[in-house]
């Protein structure tokens, strides 16, 4: 359907949302509904067994299903017809008892989305582990911290990685919460009153929920799509983290910075005309998936505008965008995992870049060093002029300080280090804390 998917689509996620898989989720719900009806003694165990036996995607005519669904607008009418045709009349009359199309499709959607969320969490777990390894390895690897796109104060690459770990911890929590909040069965009938199953509705719904490992809920959610929105927003947050990670890799890979690079192989990221190019193509594709998926997630908010007891078109928005949101997330995560595990880090270049701009990266450290002697404001004014002189005269920061302070330089700075590694503050601790938080976050269970 599009070049980005053709190149980098995650096949496992694609399979989860394939037509065959989607039909199999519908059939599972129909099958377990028969079992739930038997649990409530509305139909016999033999009835339920016979219905379940014909709920097979292999036995279904998919072409016919699609053709008839185009006419009806929804697929469950045709699905139920084919199930009934495969049964004796007595059992055929008990298929889909008390349910409506959206009950089957929503319950199936929950199962499908939960499988998809489990896979996203698996990929995210691998990515977090890879970044955690980088944070541990580089907790003291000095580099320039940057604010507003310019060098600010020294930090470490490990501390930078810890910020991403903290984001992943938050993203993981949101994904787990989304998983739990959507773990409810739907079996509420045409207008949400379960009138067709009354007075056994709650008993059957409870039995179906148990069979599907879901929670029972008396209040219908045909038009209350809050849980679906939670899923979309949680995935969107994950995609935004991945996009930020990709932009960071791209930015730090710039020729003028050259502190990072994606893993290299023959012709990876090659240009058709410039032989020297090795473009950060995985990161670029992460951004493509990240922005697309997060943009599509906003459509779920529009889908929640359904009126009355059932939607009139809003529901179809979910059919279009939910699979794509999950697909974008899985593809972006797979690319991010590859980019991170194969990331080339250049500590020597990071340290070298700390001396750019004459080493003014240490201006704040120098200011705070002399602030106790002359006051922070006076120290700031002094260091501001020193920085101006350093740039104007193209001098190093240390030389400009010496010239500005003259004989006072020795008394002010005799015990001050001009080594950036002496001024990284809590950066190593930040790196270790990020690793710790990530490790602890993985203990949280998926149990609803």
Protein backbone atom coordinates (compact mmCIF):
# COMPACT_ATOMS: atom_id res chain seq x y z
CA UNK A 1 0.00 0.00 0.00
CA UNK A 2 2.95 2.35 0.60
CA UNK A 3 6.73 2.32 0.20
CA UNK A 4 7.53 2.71 3.91
CA UNK A 5 5.54 -0.44 4.72
CA UNK A 6 6.99 -2.27 1.73
CA UNK A 7 10.48 -1.59 3.07
CA UNK A 8 10.14 -1.86 6.84
CA UNK A 9 6.72 -3.23 7.84
CA UNK A 10 6.89 -5.45 10.92
CA UNK A 11 5.56 -8.80 9.68
CA UNK A 12 4.48 -10.17 13.05
CA UNK A 13 2.28 -7.16 13.79
CA UNK A 14 0.98 -7.26 10.24
CA UNK A 15 -0.09 -10.86 10.79
CA UNK A 16 -1.94 -9.96 14.00
CA UNK A 17 -4.07 -7.48 12.05
CA UNK A 18 -4.38 -9.50 8.85
CA UNK A 19 -7.85 -10.33 7.52
CA UNK A 20 -7.38 -14.01 8.32
CA UNK A 21 -6.37 -13.26 11.91
CA UNK A 22 -9.20 -10.77 12.34
CA UNK A 23 -11.75 -13.34 11.17
CA UNK A 24 -10.25 -15.91 13.52
CA UNK A 25 -10.78 -13.54 16.46
CA UNK A 26 -14.45 -13.11 15.45
CA UNK A 27 -14.86 -16.85 15.20
CA UNK A 28 -13.28 -17.38 18.58
CA UNK A 29 -15.80 -15.04 20.18
CA UNK A 30 -18.71 -16.77 18.42
CA UNK A 31 -17.36 -20.12 19.56
CA UNK A 32 -16.89 -19.04 23.17
CA UNK A 33 -20.31 -17.36 23.14
CA UNK A 34 -21.80 -20.78 22.44
CA UNK A 35 -19.83 -22.17 25.35
CA UNK A 36 -21.01 -19.34 27.60
CA UNK A 37 -24.62 -20.01 26.62
CA UNK A 38 -24.09 -23.63 27.61
CA UNK A 39 -22.51 -22.52 30.90
CA UNK A 40 -25.74 -20.64 31.59
CA UNK A 41 -27.84 -23.68 30.55
CA UNK A 42 -29.45 -21.78 27.67
CA UNK A 43 -28.17 -24.30 25.12
CA UNK A 44 -26.75 -27.79 25.63
CA UNK A 45 -23.08 -28.75 25.79
CA UNK A 46 -23.53 -30.69 22.57
CA UNK A 47 -24.99 -27.60 20.90
CA UNK A 48 -21.98 -25.56 22.03
CA UNK A 49 -19.53 -28.25 20.92
CA UNK A 50 -21.05 -28.50 17.45
CA UNK A 51 -21.09 -24.73 17.01
CA UNK A 52 -17.48 -24.44 18.15
CA UNK A 53 -16.36 -27.18 15.77
CA UNK A 54 -17.49 -25.24 12.69
CA UNK A 55 -16.01 -21.91 13.84
CA UNK A 56 -12.91 -22.41 11.72
CA UNK A 57 -11.33 -19.76 9.53
CA UNK A 58 -10.09 -22.49 7.16
CA UNK A 59 -13.67 -23.64 6.54
CA UNK A 60 -14.88 -20.11 5.86
CA UNK A 61 -15.26 -18.69 2.37
CA UNK A 62 -13.36 -15.43 2.80
CA UNK A 63 -14.19 -14.15 -0.69
CA UNK A 64 -17.88 -14.62 -0.04
CA UNK A 65 -17.55 -12.96 3.36
CA UNK A 66 -16.00 -9.85 1.83
CA UNK A 67 -18.49 -9.71 -1.04
CA UNK A 68 -21.53 -10.02 1.21
CA UNK A 69 -20.07 -7.65 3.79
CA UNK A 70 -19.76 -4.95 1.16
CA UNK A 71 -23.50 -5.13 0.74
CA UNK A 72 -24.42 -5.37 4.43
CA UNK A 73 -21.69 -3.00 5.57
CA UNK A 74 -20.58 -5.30 8.39
CA UNK A 75 -19.06 -8.80 8.27
CA UNK A 76 -20.80 -10.66 11.09
CA UNK A 77 -24.09 -11.26 9.23
CA UNK A 78 -22.27 -13.22 6.54
CA UNK A 79 -20.02 -14.90 9.12
CA UNK A 80 -23.02 -16.14 11.11
CA UNK A 81 -24.76 -17.33 7.93
CA UNK A 82 -21.80 -19.49 6.98
CA UNK A 83 -21.56 -20.94 10.50
CA UNK A 84 -25.26 -21.77 10.42
CA UNK A 85 -24.99 -23.38 6.98
CA UNK A 86 -22.41 -25.80 8.35
CA UNK A 87 -24.75 -26.96 11.14
CA UNK A 88 -27.95 -28.98 11.49
CA UNK A 89 -30.98 -26.71 11.75
CA UNK A 90 -31.37 -27.27 15.50
CA UNK A 91 -27.86 -26.01 16.30
CA UNK A 92 -27.94 -23.37 13.55
CA UNK A 93 -30.83 -21.70 15.36
CA UNK A 94 -28.66 -21.18 18.44
CA UNK A 95 -25.71 -19.42 16.82
CA UNK A 96 -25.04 -15.78 17.80
CA UNK A 97 -27.81 -16.04 20.43
CA UNK A 98 -28.52 -12.67 22.07
CA UNK A 99 -25.51 -10.91 20.53
CA UNK A 100 -25.20 -8.08 18.06
CA UNK A 101 -22.51 -7.48 15.44
CA UNK A 102 -20.60 -4.97 17.54
CA UNK A 103 -20.54 -7.32 20.53
CA UNK A 104 -18.66 -9.89 18.49
CA UNK A 105 -16.36 -7.40 16.80
CA UNK A 106 -15.60 -5.40 19.94
CA UNK A 107 -14.86 -8.48 22.03
CA UNK A 108 -12.65 -9.75 19.23
CA UNK A 109 -10.99 -6.34 18.96
CA UNK A 110 -10.06 -6.51 22.63
CA UNK A 111 -8.39 -9.90 22.12
CA UNK A 112 -6.62 -8.67 18.99
CA UNK A 113 -5.45 -5.40 20.52
CA UNK A 114 -4.22 -7.18 23.66
CA UNK A 115 -2.12 -9.55 21.56
CA UNK A 116 -0.79 -6.54 19.67
CA UNK A 117 -0.04 -4.67 22.91
CA UNK A 118 1.81 -7.69 24.28
CA UNK A 119 3.99 -7.67 21.19
CA UNK A 120 4.64 -3.93 21.48
CA UNK A 121 5.64 -4.41 25.12
CA UNK A 122 7.97 -7.22 24.08
CA UNK A 123 9.67 -4.99 21.49
CA UNK A 124 9.78 -2.04 23.86
CA UNK A 125 11.35 -4.26 26.50
CA UNK A 126 14.14 -5.22 24.12
CA UNK A 127 14.69 -1.58 23.17
CA UNK A 128 14.81 -0.52 26.82
CA UNK A 129 17.36 -3.23 27.55
CA UNK A 130 19.54 -2.02 24.68
CA UNK A 131 19.40 1.60 25.88
CA UNK A 132 20.01 0.44 29.45
CA UNK A 133 23.20 -1.28 28.29
CA UNK A 134 24.32 1.99 26.67
CA UNK A 135 23.52 3.93 29.84
CA UNK A 136 25.61 1.55 31.96
CA UNK A 137 28.50 1.44 29.54
CA UNK A 138 28.65 5.21 29.08
CA UNK A 139 27.63 6.53 32.49
CA UNK A 140 30.92 8.49 32.60
CA UNK A 141 31.42 9.10 28.88
CA UNK A 142 31.67 12.90 28.81
CA UNK A 143 29.89 14.90 26.15
CA UNK A 144 28.43 18.36 25.72
CA UNK A 145 24.93 18.82 27.02
CA UNK A 146 22.95 20.98 24.61
CA UNK A 147 20.06 23.38 25.19
CA UNK A 148 18.34 25.42 22.49
CA UNK A 149 20.56 23.56 20.01
CA UNK A 150 23.79 24.94 21.50
CA UNK A 151 26.36 23.60 23.92
CA UNK A 152 25.38 24.24 27.54
CA UNK A 153 27.28 22.30 30.23
CA UNK A 154 29.03 18.93 30.32
CA UNK A 155 26.99 15.77 30.77
CA UNK A 156 27.52 12.10 29.99
CA UNK A 157 26.10 9.93 27.25
CA UNK A 158 24.83 7.59 29.95
CA UNK A 159 22.77 10.39 31.49
CA UNK A 160 21.30 11.18 28.07
CA UNK A 161 20.33 7.54 27.72
CA UNK A 162 18.74 7.60 31.18
CA UNK A 163 16.30 10.29 30.06
CA UNK A 164 15.14 7.97 27.29
CA UNK A 165 14.85 5.12 29.80
CA UNK A 166 12.69 7.32 32.01
CA UNK A 167 10.46 8.04 29.01
CA UNK A 168 10.24 4.34 28.19
CA UNK A 169 9.25 3.59 31.79
CA UNK A 170 6.40 6.08 31.46
CA UNK A 171 5.43 4.74 28.04
CA UNK A 172 5.45 1.17 29.36
CA UNK A 173 3.18 2.16 32.24
CA UNK A 174 0.73 3.74 29.80
CA UNK A 175 0.73 0.68 27.56
CA UNK A 176 0.08 -1.59 30.54
CA UNK A 177 -2.71 0.69 31.73
CA UNK A 178 -4.24 0.69 28.25
CA UNK A 179 -4.10 -3.11 28.20
CA UNK A 180 -5.98 -3.31 31.50
CA UNK A 181 -8.52 -0.63 30.69
CA UNK A 182 -9.63 -2.30 27.50
CA UNK A 183 -9.80 -5.83 28.93
CA UNK A 184 -13.60 -5.95 29.02
CA UNK A 185 -15.97 -8.19 27.13
CA UNK A 186 -18.79 -6.74 25.06
CA UNK A 187 -22.13 -8.54 25.12
CA UNK A 188 -24.88 -5.97 25.50
CA UNK A 189 -27.16 -6.52 22.51
CA UNK A 190 -28.64 -4.18 19.97
CA UNK A 191 -29.07 -1.02 22.04
CA UNK A 192 -26.98 -1.92 25.06
CA UNK A 193 -29.78 -3.31 27.24
CA UNK A 194 -29.10 -7.03 26.66
CA UNK A 195 -32.85 -7.46 26.24
CA UNK A 196 -32.42 -10.46 23.94
CA UNK A 197 -30.66 -12.37 26.74
CA UNK A 198 -32.78 -11.13 29.63
CA UNK A 199 -32.94 -12.37 32.38
CA UNK A 200 -29.75 -14.36 31.83
CA UNK A 201 -27.66 -11.61 30.26
CA UNK A 202 -25.23 -10.95 33.08
CA UNK A 203 -24.72 -14.65 33.68
CA UNK A 204 -23.89 -15.27 30.03
CA UNK A 205 -21.72 -12.18 29.79
CA UNK A 206 -19.81 -13.22 32.90
CA UNK A 207 -19.28 -16.70 31.47
CA UNK A 208 -18.08 -15.30 28.14
CA UNK A 209 -15.70 -12.92 29.91
CA UNK A 210 -14.22 -15.80 31.88
CA UNK A 211 -13.78 -17.91 28.75
CA UNK A 212 -11.99 -15.03 26.96
CA UNK A 213 -9.93 -14.10 30.05
CA UNK A 214 -11.61 -10.69 30.13
CA UNK A 215 -13.56 -8.69 32.69
CA UNK A 216 -17.35 -8.40 32.83
CA UNK A 217 -18.97 -4.97 32.65
CA UNK A 218 -22.67 -4.30 33.06
CA UNK A 219 -22.59 -0.91 31.36
CA UNK A 220 -22.28 -1.20 27.55
CA UNK A 221 -19.35 0.42 25.77
CA UNK A 222 -20.59 0.38 22.18
CA UNK A 223 -20.24 4.18 21.98
CA UNK A 224 -17.97 4.77 24.96
CA UNK A 225 -14.61 4.42 23.24
CA UNK A 226 -12.54 5.75 26.16
CA UNK A 227 -10.54 2.55 26.42
CA UNK A 228 -9.73 2.64 22.70
CA UNK A 229 -8.61 6.25 23.00
CA UNK A 230 -6.37 5.24 25.92
CA UNK A 231 -4.75 2.61 23.71
CA UNK A 232 -4.19 5.09 20.87
CA UNK A 233 -2.78 7.75 23.18
CA UNK A 234 -0.46 5.26 24.88
CA UNK A 235 0.91 4.11 21.53
CA UNK A 236 1.18 7.71 20.38
CA UNK A 237 3.34 8.52 23.43
CA UNK A 238 5.59 5.59 22.59
CA UNK A 239 5.89 6.78 19.00
CA UNK A 240 6.82 10.28 20.16
CA UNK A 241 9.61 8.83 22.30
CA UNK A 242 10.89 6.84 19.34
CA UNK A 243 10.75 9.89 17.10
CA UNK A 244 12.76 11.90 19.63
CA UNK A 245 15.29 9.07 19.85
CA UNK A 246 15.61 9.01 16.07
CA UNK A 247 16.06 12.77 15.83
CA UNK A 248 18.76 12.60 18.51
CA UNK A 249 20.67 9.94 16.58
CA UNK A 250 20.34 11.94 13.36
CA UNK A 251 21.47 15.17 15.00
CA UNK A 252 24.45 13.65 16.78
CA UNK A 253 25.43 11.88 13.55
CA UNK A 254 25.83 15.15 11.68
CA UNK A 255 29.26 15.52 10.08
CA UNK A 256 29.95 18.61 12.18
CA UNK A 257 29.17 16.68 15.41
CA UNK A 258 29.92 13.03 14.56
CA UNK A 259 29.41 11.69 18.07
CA UNK A 260 27.12 8.84 17.00
CA UNK A 261 26.43 6.82 13.90
CA UNK A 262 24.05 4.06 12.99
CA UNK A 263 25.63 0.68 12.43
CA UNK A 264 27.36 0.42 9.08
CA UNK A 265 27.25 -2.20 6.38
CA UNK A 266 27.91 -2.17 2.65
CA UNK A 267 25.65 0.39 0.91
CA UNK A 268 23.60 1.01 4.06
CA UNK A 269 22.18 4.52 3.70
CA UNK A 270 24.05 5.01 0.44
CA UNK A 271 23.37 7.85 -1.99
CA UNK A 272 22.77 7.32 -5.70
CA UNK A 273 25.18 10.15 -6.52
CA UNK A 274 27.41 10.90 -3.49
CA UNK A 275 29.75 7.96 -2.78
CA UNK A 276 30.65 9.23 0.70
CA UNK A 277 27.13 9.17 2.11
CA UNK A 278 25.95 6.81 4.85
CA UNK A 279 22.59 8.28 5.76
CA UNK A 280 20.89 7.42 9.09
CA UNK A 281 18.15 5.61 7.25
CA UNK A 282 16.75 3.61 10.15
CA UNK A 283 16.25 6.76 12.19
CA UNK A 284 14.68 8.53 9.23
CA UNK A 285 12.20 5.68 8.80
CA UNK A 286 11.41 5.71 12.53
CA UNK A 287 10.34 9.33 12.13
CA UNK A 288 8.19 8.36 9.14
CA UNK A 289 6.38 5.70 11.15
CA UNK A 290 6.34 7.75 14.34
CA UNK A 291 4.74 10.87 12.93
CA UNK A 292 2.28 8.87 10.80
CA UNK A 293 1.13 6.65 13.67
CA UNK A 294 0.82 9.48 16.18
CA UNK A 295 -1.18 11.51 13.65
CA UNK A 296 -3.55 8.62 13.04
CA UNK A 297 -4.05 8.22 16.79
CA UNK A 298 -5.78 11.59 16.90
CA UNK A 299 -8.49 10.16 14.62
CA UNK A 300 -9.58 7.90 17.48
CA UNK A 301 -10.73 10.99 19.36
CA UNK A 302 -13.03 11.82 16.44
CA UNK A 303 -14.26 8.22 16.44
CA UNK A 304 -15.43 8.73 20.02
CA UNK A 305 -18.06 11.28 18.90
CA UNK A 306 -20.66 8.57 18.22
CA UNK A 307 -24.20 9.52 19.20
CA UNK A 308 -27.01 7.60 20.88
CA UNK A 309 -26.49 3.88 21.52
CA UNK A 310 -24.55 2.89 18.39
CA UNK A 311 -22.34 4.81 16.02
CA UNK A 312 -23.20 5.87 12.48
CA UNK A 313 -19.83 5.91 10.75
CA UNK A 314 -17.52 6.79 13.65
CA UNK A 315 -16.82 3.13 14.40
CA UNK A 316 -15.42 2.60 10.91
CA UNK A 317 -12.64 5.10 11.70
CA UNK A 318 -11.25 2.57 14.15
CA UNK A 319 -11.25 -0.14 11.48
CA UNK A 320 -8.98 2.02 9.36
CA UNK A 321 -6.58 3.59 11.82
CA UNK A 322 -6.16 1.13 14.72
CA UNK A 323 -4.28 -1.51 12.68
CA UNK A 324 -2.11 1.22 11.18
CA UNK A 325 -1.27 2.73 14.59
CA UNK A 326 -0.16 -0.65 15.89
CA UNK A 327 1.73 -1.38 12.67
CA UNK A 328 3.56 1.95 12.78
CA UNK A 329 4.51 1.37 16.41
CA UNK A 330 5.85 -2.14 15.86
CA UNK A 331 7.78 -1.10 12.75
CA UNK A 332 9.27 1.93 14.52
CA UNK A 333 10.19 -0.15 17.58
CA UNK A 334 11.86 -2.81 15.43
CA UNK A 335 13.89 -0.14 13.62
CA UNK A 336 14.77 1.60 16.90
CA UNK A 337 15.94 -1.69 18.36
CA UNK A 338 18.20 -2.30 15.38
CA UNK A 339 19.53 1.27 15.41
CA UNK A 340 20.23 1.18 19.14
CA UNK A 341 21.81 -2.27 19.33
CA UNK A 342 24.14 -1.41 16.45
CA UNK A 343 24.73 2.20 17.45
CA UNK A 344 28.30 3.41 17.08
CA UNK A 345 29.36 5.73 19.91
CA UNK A 346 32.51 7.86 19.58
CA UNK A 347 33.67 8.98 23.06
CA UNK A 348 36.84 10.64 21.75
CA UNK A 349 34.78 12.84 19.43
CA UNK A 350 32.37 13.65 22.25
CA UNK A 351 35.26 14.82 24.42
CA UNK A 352 36.84 16.73 21.53
CA UNK A 353 33.56 18.58 20.90
CA UNK A 354 33.60 19.81 24.48
CA UNK A 355 36.45 22.14 23.49
CA UNK A 356 34.46 23.72 20.67
CA UNK A 357 33.57 27.37 21.22
CA UNK A 358 36.85 27.71 23.09
CA UNK A 359 35.73 25.48 25.92
CA UNK A 360 32.99 27.89 27.05
CA UNK A 361 31.09 24.76 28.02
CA UNK A 362 32.66 25.29 31.46
CA UNK A 363 31.44 28.86 31.93
CA UNK A 364 28.69 27.96 34.38
CA UNK A 365 31.06 25.78 36.39
CA UNK A 366 33.57 28.63 36.56
CA UNK A 367 30.84 31.07 37.56
CA UNK A 368 29.64 28.87 40.41
CA UNK A 369 33.24 28.26 41.47
CA UNK A 370 33.87 31.94 42.19
CA UNK A 371 30.30 32.84 43.22
CA UNK A 372 30.93 32.16 46.93
CA UNK A 373 33.69 34.79 46.86
CA UNK A 374 31.98 37.58 44.92
CA UNK A 375 28.29 36.65 44.77
CA UNK A 376 26.49 34.80 42.00
CA UNK A 377 25.28 37.90 40.16
CA UNK A 378 28.71 39.54 40.04
CA UNK A 379 30.24 36.23 39.00
CA UNK A 380 27.69 35.92 36.19
CA UNK A 381 28.46 39.43 34.92
CA UNK A 382 32.20 38.75 35.01
CA UNK A 383 31.93 35.43 33.21
CA UNK A 384 29.57 36.93 30.62
CA UNK A 385 32.26 39.46 29.64
CA UNK A 386 34.94 36.79 29.64
CA UNK A 387 32.84 34.69 27.24
CA UNK A 388 32.36 37.67 24.95
CA UNK A 389 36.11 38.31 24.93
CA UNK A 390 36.85 34.66 24.28
CA UNK A 391 34.69 34.65 21.16
CA UNK A 392 35.74 38.09 20.01
CA UNK A 393 39.46 37.37 20.31
CA UNK A 394 39.14 33.70 19.34
CA UNK A 395 40.77 32.66 22.57
CA UNK A 396 40.23 29.62 24.72
CA UNK A 397 38.05 30.11 27.77
CA UNK A 398 41.00 29.60 30.11
CA UNK A 399 43.15 32.16 28.27
CA UNK A 400 40.35 34.74 28.31
CA UNK A 401 39.91 34.20 32.04
CA UNK A 402 43.62 34.69 32.67
CA UNK A 403 43.73 37.91 30.66
CA UNK A 404 40.58 39.31 32.23
CA UNK A 405 41.51 38.50 35.83
CA UNK A 406 45.26 39.07 35.61
CA UNK A 407 46.92 38.41 38.96
CA UNK A 408 43.58 37.40 40.51
CA UNK A 409 43.26 34.38 38.22
CA UNK A 410 45.50 32.20 40.38
CA UNK A 411 43.67 32.97 43.60
CA UNK A 412 40.24 32.41 42.04
CA UNK A 413 41.03 29.35 39.92
CA UNK A 414 44.05 27.62 41.48
CA UNK A 415 41.90 24.60 42.43
CA UNK A 416 39.55 24.70 39.41
CA UNK A 417 39.77 21.93 36.78
CA UNK A 418 39.34 22.78 33.13
CA UNK A 419 38.63 19.11 32.42
CA UNK A 420 34.94 18.73 31.44
CA UNK A 421 34.76 15.36 33.22
CA UNK A 422 35.14 17.20 36.53
CA UNK A 423 31.89 19.08 35.97
CA UNK A 424 29.26 16.50 35.03
CA UNK A 425 27.47 16.82 38.36
CA UNK A 426 25.04 13.97 39.01
CA UNK A 427 25.22 12.63 35.45
CA UNK A 428 26.73 9.22 36.41
CA UNK A 429 24.09 8.85 39.14
CA UNK A 430 21.39 9.83 36.64
CA UNK A 431 22.61 7.07 34.32
CA UNK A 432 22.52 4.48 37.10
CA UNK A 433 19.08 5.62 38.25
CA UNK A 434 17.74 5.28 34.73
CA UNK A 435 19.01 1.70 34.55
CA UNK A 436 17.46 0.96 37.95
CA UNK A 437 14.07 2.43 37.07
CA UNK A 438 13.96 0.53 33.81
CA UNK A 439 14.83 -2.74 35.51
CA UNK A 440 12.10 -2.21 38.11
CA UNK A 441 9.49 -1.27 35.51
CA UNK A 442 9.81 -4.65 33.80
CA UNK A 443 8.48 -6.37 36.93
CA UNK A 444 5.02 -4.88 36.41
CA UNK A 445 2.54 -7.52 35.31
CA UNK A 446 0.05 -7.57 32.45
CA UNK A 447 -2.62 -9.12 34.67
CA UNK A 448 -5.81 -6.99 34.37
